[in-house]
Amino acid sequence: MIAHAGLLARRIDGSWRGALIEGPSGAGKSDLALRALDLGFRLVADDRVVLWTCEGRLFGRSPATLVGLIEVRGLDVTGEAALPFCEVTLVAAPGIPERIPPLATTERLGVRLPSITLPYREASAPAKLGRALSALYAANQRRM
């Protein structure tokens, strides 16, 4: 399946954890990605993400024609070092979240994933995305 989304990854405890950044055109997906890259995230895919499942987990990569490219609105499509693929462990959607929302989940290709709502253009959105990935990882470690 090809999703209209971006995919960013952050290395946590030796593994790349991916956040699928969803939303309509103009929502700020690429803008959020650019700011997150400056905070240590890595690009996997911008604009389109090829999604697949394996052993009950969701993975994503860029379509071959878009590997290593990111749109910089108002400038051009530019090159960016990219990971070949990563596991998707979080889904982000644009919007204004509740102050302290309950844990939300969404399903992609039959895999239930945690989801968050973020105001993508807010200056702290990349930091919140990173904290969400880290918190999910820590919660999963406590369950083991």
N, C-alpha and C. Protein backbone atom coordinates (compact mmCIF):
# COMPACT_ATOMS: atom_id res chain seq x y z
N MET A 1 0.84 -1.18 0.00
CA MET A 1 0.00 0.00 0.00
C MET A 1 0.89 1.25 0.00
N ILE A 2 0.50 2.24 -0.79
CA ILE A 2 1.22 3.52 -0.78
C ILE A 2 0.35 4.55 -0.07
N ALA A 3 0.90 5.18 0.97
CA ALA A 3 0.19 6.19 1.74
C ALA A 3 0.73 7.57 1.39
N HIS A 4 -0.18 8.55 1.35
CA HIS A 4 0.23 9.95 1.20
C HIS A 4 0.63 10.41 2.59
N ALA A 5 1.93 10.32 2.88
CA ALA A 5 2.44 10.60 4.23
C ALA A 5 3.95 10.74 4.15
N GLY A 6 4.54 11.06 5.27
CA GLY A 6 5.99 11.05 5.41
C GLY A 6 6.35 10.03 6.47
N LEU A 7 7.58 9.59 6.48
CA LEU A 7 8.05 8.66 7.50
C LEU A 7 9.41 9.11 7.99
N LEU A 8 9.47 9.37 9.29
CA LEU A 8 10.71 9.78 9.95
C LEU A 8 11.09 8.71 10.95
N ALA A 9 12.38 8.56 11.22
CA ALA A 9 12.82 7.57 12.19
C ALA A 9 13.79 8.20 13.18
N ARG A 10 13.76 7.65 14.37
CA ARG A 10 14.68 8.08 15.42
C ARG A 10 15.29 6.82 16.03
N ARG A 11 16.58 6.86 16.25
CA ARG A 11 17.27 5.70 16.83
C ARG A 11 17.09 5.75 18.35
N ILE A 12 16.49 4.68 18.87
CA ILE A 12 16.25 4.57 20.31
C ILE A 12 16.75 3.20 20.75
N ASP A 13 17.71 3.20 21.64
CA ASP A 13 18.27 1.97 22.19
C ASP A 13 18.71 1.00 21.09
N GLY A 14 19.36 1.53 20.05
CA GLY A 14 19.93 0.70 19.01
C GLY A 14 19.02 0.33 17.85
N SER A 15 17.76 0.75 17.87
CA SER A 15 16.84 0.43 16.77
C SER A 15 16.17 1.70 16.25
N TRP A 16 15.86 1.69 14.97
CA TRP A 16 15.16 2.82 14.38
C TRP A 16 13.66 2.67 14.61
N ARG A 17 13.03 3.67 15.21
CA ARG A 17 11.59 3.70 15.50
C ARG A 17 10.98 4.75 14.59
N GLY A 18 9.97 4.36 13.83
CA GLY A 18 9.41 5.26 12.82
C GLY A 18 8.10 5.90 13.23
N ALA A 19 7.94 7.14 12.79
CA ALA A 19 6.69 7.89 12.97
C ALA A 19 6.13 8.21 11.59
N LEU A 20 4.94 7.71 11.31
CA LEU A 20 4.24 7.98 10.06
C LEU A 20 3.53 9.31 10.22
N ILE A 21 3.89 10.29 9.39
CA ILE A 21 3.35 11.64 9.48
C ILE A 21 2.27 11.78 8.41
N GLU A 22 1.01 11.77 8.83
CA GLU A 22 -0.10 11.82 7.90
C GLU A 22 -0.71 13.21 7.82
N GLY A 23 -1.54 13.42 6.82
CA GLY A 23 -2.26 14.68 6.67
C GLY A 23 -2.39 15.07 5.22
N PRO A 24 -3.34 15.97 4.95
CA PRO A 24 -3.55 16.40 3.57
C PRO A 24 -2.40 17.27 3.07
N SER A 25 -2.37 17.49 1.77
CA SER A 25 -1.38 18.37 1.17
C SER A 25 -1.46 19.75 1.82
N GLY A 26 -0.31 20.30 2.18
CA GLY A 26 -0.27 21.62 2.80
C GLY A 26 -0.43 21.60 4.31
N ALA A 27 -0.54 20.42 4.93
CA ALA A 27 -0.74 20.32 6.38
C ALA A 27 0.54 20.62 7.16
N GLY A 28 1.69 20.53 6.49
CA GLY A 28 2.95 20.80 7.16
C GLY A 28 3.79 19.56 7.42
N LYS A 29 3.50 18.46 6.73
CA LYS A 29 4.25 17.22 6.93
C LYS A 29 5.74 17.40 6.63
N SER A 30 6.06 17.96 5.50
CA SER A 30 7.46 18.14 5.12
C SER A 30 8.13 19.19 5.99
N ASP A 31 7.40 20.21 6.38
CA ASP A 31 7.95 21.23 7.27
C ASP A 31 8.32 20.61 8.62
N LEU A 32 7.43 19.78 9.17
CA LEU A 32 7.73 19.08 10.41
C LEU A 32 8.95 18.18 10.22
N ALA A 33 9.01 17.49 9.09
CA ALA A 33 10.14 16.60 8.82
C ALA A 33 11.46 17.38 8.79
N LEU A 34 11.48 18.51 8.14
CA LEU A 34 12.71 19.31 8.06
C LEU A 34 13.20 19.71 9.44
N ARG A 35 12.28 20.15 10.29
CA ARG A 35 12.68 20.56 11.65
C ARG A 35 13.10 19.35 12.48
N ALA A 36 12.44 18.21 12.28
CA ALA A 36 12.81 17.01 13.02
C ALA A 36 14.20 16.51 12.60
N LEU A 37 14.53 16.64 11.33
CA LEU A 37 15.85 16.23 10.86
C LEU A 37 16.95 17.00 11.59
N ASP A 38 16.68 18.27 11.88
CA ASP A 38 17.65 19.08 12.61
C ASP A 38 17.80 18.64 14.07
N LEU A 39 16.85 17.82 14.56
CA LEU A 39 16.92 17.32 15.94
C LEU A 39 17.39 15.86 16.02
N GLY A 40 17.94 15.36 14.92
CA GLY A 40 18.49 14.01 14.96
C GLY A 40 17.63 12.92 14.37
N PHE A 41 16.44 13.23 13.89
CA PHE A 41 15.63 12.24 13.19
C PHE A 41 16.29 11.96 11.85
N ARG A 42 15.90 10.85 11.21
CA ARG A 42 16.36 10.53 9.87
C ARG A 42 15.16 10.39 8.95
N LEU A 43 15.31 10.82 7.74
CA LEU A 43 14.27 10.68 6.74
C LEU A 43 14.22 9.23 6.26
N VAL A 44 13.01 8.72 6.12
CA VAL A 44 12.80 7.44 5.45
C VAL A 44 12.06 7.73 4.15
N ALA A 45 10.99 8.54 4.24
CA ALA A 45 10.21 8.86 3.05
C ALA A 45 9.51 10.20 3.24
N ASP A 46 9.38 10.94 2.16
CA ASP A 46 8.62 12.19 2.16
C ASP A 46 7.56 12.11 1.06
N ASP A 47 6.37 12.48 1.40
CA ASP A 47 5.23 12.60 0.48
C ASP A 47 4.52 11.29 0.19
N ARG A 48 5.24 10.22 -0.03
CA ARG A 48 4.65 8.90 -0.28
C ARG A 48 5.44 7.85 0.51
N VAL A 49 4.71 6.92 1.12
CA VAL A 49 5.34 5.86 1.89
C VAL A 49 4.75 4.52 1.45
N VAL A 50 5.63 3.60 1.08
CA VAL A 50 5.21 2.24 0.78
C VAL A 50 5.14 1.49 2.11
N LEU A 51 3.95 1.00 2.47
CA LEU A 51 3.75 0.30 3.73
C LEU A 51 3.53 -1.19 3.48
N TRP A 52 4.04 -2.03 4.39
CA TRP A 52 3.80 -3.46 4.33
C TRP A 52 3.89 -4.03 5.74
N THR A 53 3.38 -5.22 5.92
CA THR A 53 3.44 -5.87 7.22
C THR A 53 4.32 -7.12 7.15
N CYS A 54 4.89 -7.44 8.29
CA CYS A 54 5.67 -8.66 8.43
C CYS A 54 5.57 -9.09 9.89
N GLU A 55 5.09 -10.30 10.11
CA GLU A 55 4.97 -10.85 11.45
C GLU A 55 4.24 -9.91 12.41
N GLY A 56 3.16 -9.30 11.93
CA GLY A 56 2.32 -8.45 12.76
C GLY A 56 2.86 -7.07 13.03
N ARG A 57 3.92 -6.68 12.33
CA ARG A 57 4.50 -5.35 12.49
C ARG A 57 4.39 -4.60 11.18
N LEU A 58 4.31 -3.27 11.27
CA LEU A 58 4.18 -2.42 10.09
C LEU A 58 5.52 -1.79 9.76
N PHE A 59 5.88 -1.81 8.48
CA PHE A 59 7.13 -1.22 8.02
C PHE A 59 6.84 -0.25 6.87
N GLY A 60 7.78 0.68 6.65
CA GLY A 60 7.62 1.62 5.56
C GLY A 60 8.94 1.97 4.91
N ARG A 61 8.84 2.38 3.64
CA ARG A 61 10.01 2.83 2.87
C ARG A 61 9.51 3.83 1.84
N SER A 62 10.45 4.48 1.22
CA SER A 62 10.13 5.41 0.14
C SER A 62 9.96 4.65 -1.17
N PRO A 63 9.06 5.13 -2.04
CA PRO A 63 9.05 4.57 -3.40
C PRO A 63 10.41 4.86 -4.07
N ALA A 64 10.84 3.98 -4.95
CA ALA A 64 12.17 4.10 -5.56
C ALA A 64 12.43 5.47 -6.19
N THR A 65 11.41 6.07 -6.79
CA THR A 65 11.61 7.36 -7.47
C THR A 65 11.77 8.54 -6.51
N LEU A 66 11.47 8.33 -5.22
CA LEU A 66 11.54 9.43 -4.25
C LEU A 66 12.60 9.22 -3.16
N VAL A 67 13.38 8.15 -3.25
CA VAL A 67 14.37 7.86 -2.22
C VAL A 67 15.33 9.04 -2.06
N GLY A 68 15.50 9.47 -0.82
CA GLY A 68 16.47 10.52 -0.51
C GLY A 68 16.05 11.91 -0.95
N LEU A 69 14.76 12.12 -1.20
CA LEU A 69 14.27 13.44 -1.60
C LEU A 69 13.25 13.96 -0.61
N ILE A 70 13.26 15.28 -0.38
CA ILE A 70 12.29 15.92 0.49
C ILE A 70 11.91 17.26 -0.12
N GLU A 71 10.63 17.57 -0.07
CA GLU A 71 10.16 18.85 -0.59
C GLU A 71 10.42 19.95 0.43
N VAL A 72 11.07 21.00 -0.02
CA VAL A 72 11.26 22.20 0.79
C VAL A 72 10.41 23.27 0.14
N ARG A 73 9.18 23.40 0.65
CA ARG A 73 8.21 24.32 0.03
C ARG A 73 8.80 25.71 -0.11
N GLY A 74 8.64 26.28 -1.27
CA GLY A 74 9.17 27.61 -1.55
C GLY A 74 10.61 27.58 -2.04
N LEU A 75 11.24 26.42 -2.03
CA LEU A 75 12.63 26.31 -2.49
C LEU A 75 12.72 25.31 -3.64
N ASP A 76 12.58 24.01 -3.34
CA ASP A 76 12.70 22.97 -4.37
C ASP A 76 12.58 21.62 -3.69
N VAL A 77 12.69 20.58 -4.44
CA VAL A 77 12.85 19.23 -3.91
C VAL A 77 14.35 19.03 -3.78
N THR A 78 14.81 18.68 -2.58
CA THR A 78 16.23 18.58 -2.32
C THR A 78 16.61 17.18 -1.84
N GLY A 79 17.89 16.87 -1.93
CA GLY A 79 18.39 15.59 -1.47
C GLY A 79 18.60 15.58 0.02
N GLU A 80 18.39 14.40 0.62
CA GLU A 80 18.57 14.22 2.07
C GLU A 80 18.95 12.76 2.29
N ALA A 81 19.96 12.53 3.10
CA ALA A 81 20.33 11.15 3.43
C ALA A 81 19.11 10.46 4.03
N ALA A 82 18.83 9.25 3.57
CA ALA A 82 17.63 8.55 4.01
C ALA A 82 17.93 7.10 4.39
N LEU A 83 17.17 6.61 5.35
CA LEU A 83 17.22 5.19 5.69
C LEU A 83 16.44 4.41 4.64
N PRO A 84 16.83 3.17 4.36
CA PRO A 84 16.11 2.40 3.35
C PRO A 84 14.70 2.00 3.78
N PHE A 85 14.49 1.78 5.08
CA PHE A 85 13.16 1.44 5.61
C PHE A 85 13.22 1.49 7.12
N CYS A 86 12.09 1.40 7.79
CA CYS A 86 12.04 1.26 9.24
C CYS A 86 10.67 0.73 9.65
N GLU A 87 10.61 0.26 10.88
CA GLU A 87 9.33 -0.14 11.45
C GLU A 87 8.54 1.11 11.82
N VAL A 88 7.26 1.12 11.54
CA VAL A 88 6.37 2.21 11.95
C VAL A 88 5.85 1.87 13.33
N THR A 89 6.13 2.74 14.31
CA THR A 89 5.70 2.47 15.68
C THR A 89 4.73 3.52 16.22
N LEU A 90 4.48 4.57 15.41
CA LEU A 90 3.62 5.67 15.83
C LEU A 90 3.03 6.32 14.59
N VAL A 91 1.79 6.75 14.69
CA VAL A 91 1.13 7.50 13.62
C VAL A 91 0.80 8.89 14.16
N ALA A 92 1.16 9.93 13.42
CA ALA A 92 0.86 11.31 13.80
C ALA A 92 -0.12 11.91 12.80
N ALA A 93 -1.06 12.67 13.32
CA ALA A 93 -2.05 13.35 12.48
C ALA A 93 -2.03 14.83 12.86
N PRO A 94 -2.30 15.72 11.89
CA PRO A 94 -2.29 17.15 12.20
C PRO A 94 -3.54 17.55 12.97
N GLY A 95 -3.39 18.53 13.83
CA GLY A 95 -4.53 19.05 14.57
C GLY A 95 -4.10 19.59 15.91
N ILE A 96 -5.08 20.03 16.68
CA ILE A 96 -4.85 20.56 18.02
C ILE A 96 -5.25 19.48 19.02
N PRO A 97 -4.29 18.95 19.77
CA PRO A 97 -4.62 17.88 20.71
C PRO A 97 -5.26 18.42 21.99
N GLU A 98 -5.89 17.50 22.71
CA GLU A 98 -6.33 17.84 24.06
C GLU A 98 -5.09 18.11 24.89
N ARG A 99 -5.28 18.78 26.02
CA ARG A 99 -4.13 19.13 26.85
C ARG A 99 -3.37 17.87 27.30
N ILE A 100 -4.05 16.89 27.84
CA ILE A 100 -3.46 15.60 28.19
C ILE A 100 -4.44 14.54 27.69
N PRO A 101 -4.27 14.13 26.43
CA PRO A 101 -5.24 13.21 25.82
C PRO A 101 -5.06 11.77 26.30
N PRO A 102 -6.13 11.00 26.23
CA PRO A 102 -5.98 9.57 26.51
C PRO A 102 -5.19 8.92 25.38
N LEU A 103 -4.63 7.75 25.66
CA LEU A 103 -3.89 7.04 24.63
C LEU A 103 -4.82 6.70 23.48
N ALA A 104 -4.44 7.08 22.28
CA ALA A 104 -5.24 6.81 21.09
C ALA A 104 -4.50 5.78 20.24
N THR A 105 -5.26 5.04 19.47
CA THR A 105 -4.67 4.09 18.54
C THR A 105 -5.38 4.19 17.20
N THR A 106 -4.72 3.71 16.18
CA THR A 106 -5.28 3.65 14.85
C THR A 106 -4.78 2.37 14.19
N GLU A 107 -5.44 1.96 13.14
CA GLU A 107 -5.04 0.72 12.46
C GLU A 107 -4.58 1.01 11.04
N ARG A 108 -3.46 0.42 10.68
CA ARG A 108 -2.94 0.49 9.33
C ARG A 108 -2.58 -0.92 8.89
N LEU A 109 -3.20 -1.37 7.80
CA LEU A 109 -2.95 -2.71 7.25
C LEU A 109 -3.12 -3.80 8.30
N GLY A 110 -4.10 -3.62 9.18
CA GLY A 110 -4.39 -4.62 10.19
C GLY A 110 -3.52 -4.56 11.43
N VAL A 111 -2.61 -3.60 11.50
CA VAL A 111 -1.73 -3.45 12.66
C VAL A 111 -2.22 -2.25 13.48
N ARG A 112 -2.50 -2.48 14.76
CA ARG A 112 -2.94 -1.40 15.65
C ARG A 112 -1.70 -0.68 16.18
N LEU A 113 -1.72 0.66 16.02
CA LEU A 113 -0.57 1.49 16.40
C LEU A 113 -1.01 2.65 17.27
N PRO A 114 -0.15 3.09 18.19
CA PRO A 114 -0.44 4.31 18.94
C PRO A 114 -0.48 5.50 17.98
N SER A 115 -1.32 6.47 18.29
CA SER A 115 -1.40 7.66 17.43
C SER A 115 -1.47 8.92 18.29
N ILE A 116 -0.95 9.99 17.71
CA ILE A 116 -1.00 11.29 18.39
C ILE A 116 -1.47 12.35 17.39
N THR A 117 -2.00 13.41 17.94
CA THR A 117 -2.37 14.59 17.17
C THR A 117 -1.37 15.68 17.51
N LEU A 118 -0.83 16.33 16.49
CA LEU A 118 0.16 17.38 16.69
C LEU A 118 -0.15 18.58 15.81
N PRO A 119 0.03 19.79 16.33
CA PRO A 119 0.01 20.96 15.45
C PRO A 119 1.36 21.03 14.74
N TYR A 120 1.42 20.51 13.52
CA TYR A 120 2.68 20.32 12.81
C TYR A 120 3.53 21.58 12.71
N ARG A 121 2.90 22.73 12.60
CA ARG A 121 3.69 23.97 12.42
C ARG A 121 4.14 24.59 13.74
N GLU A 122 3.72 24.03 14.85
CA GLU A 122 4.14 24.53 16.16
C GLU A 122 5.64 24.24 16.34
N ALA A 123 6.37 25.19 16.88
CA ALA A 123 7.82 25.04 17.02
C ALA A 123 8.22 23.79 17.79
N SER A 124 7.42 23.38 18.76
CA SER A 124 7.77 22.23 19.59
C SER A 124 7.32 20.89 19.00
N ALA A 125 6.68 20.88 17.85
CA ALA A 125 6.15 19.63 17.28
C ALA A 125 7.23 18.56 17.09
N PRO A 126 8.42 18.87 16.57
CA PRO A 126 9.44 17.82 16.44
C PRO A 126 9.88 17.25 17.79
N ALA A 127 10.01 18.11 18.80
CA ALA A 127 10.39 17.63 20.13
C ALA A 127 9.29 16.75 20.71
N LYS A 128 8.04 17.12 20.50
CA LYS A 128 6.93 16.29 20.99
C LYS A 128 6.90 14.94 20.29
N LEU A 129 7.19 14.94 19.00
CA LEU A 129 7.23 13.70 18.25
C LEU A 129 8.32 12.77 18.81
N GLY A 130 9.49 13.32 19.06
CA GLY A 130 10.58 12.55 19.64
C GLY A 130 10.25 12.01 21.02
N ARG A 131 9.63 12.81 21.83
CA ARG A 131 9.25 12.37 23.17
C ARG A 131 8.19 11.28 23.12
N ALA A 132 7.27 11.39 22.16
CA ALA A 132 6.24 10.36 22.02
C ALA A 132 6.88 9.02 21.64
N LEU A 133 7.81 9.03 20.70
CA LEU A 133 8.49 7.79 20.32
C LEU A 133 9.26 7.20 21.50
N SER A 134 9.95 8.04 22.26
CA SER A 134 10.71 7.56 23.42
C SER A 134 9.79 7.01 24.50
N ALA A 135 8.67 7.68 24.75
CA ALA A 135 7.73 7.23 25.77
C ALA A 135 7.11 5.89 25.38
N LEU A 136 6.80 5.72 24.11
CA LEU A 136 6.24 4.44 23.65
C LEU A 136 7.25 3.32 23.82
N TYR A 137 8.50 3.59 23.49
CA TYR A 137 9.54 2.59 23.65
C TYR A 137 9.68 2.21 25.13
N ALA A 138 9.73 3.22 26.01
CA ALA A 138 9.87 2.95 27.45
C ALA A 138 8.68 2.15 27.97
N ALA A 139 7.47 2.47 27.52
CA ALA A 139 6.28 1.74 27.97
C ALA A 139 6.35 0.29 27.50
N ASN A 140 6.80 0.06 26.27
CA ASN A 140 6.92 -1.32 25.77
C ASN A 140 7.98 -2.10 26.55
N GLN A 141 9.06 -1.45 26.95
CA GLN A 141 10.11 -2.12 27.72
C GLN A 141 9.60 -2.52 29.10
N ARG A 142 8.76 -1.69 29.71
CA ARG A 142 8.21 -2.00 31.03
C ARG A 142 7.28 -3.20 30.97
N ARG A 143 6.59 -3.39 29.83
CA ARG A 143 5.67 -4.50 29.68
C ARG A 143 6.38 -5.83 29.49
N MET A 144 7.64 -5.79 29.08
CA MET A 144 8.38 -7.03 28.80
C MET A 144 8.87 -7.69 30.05
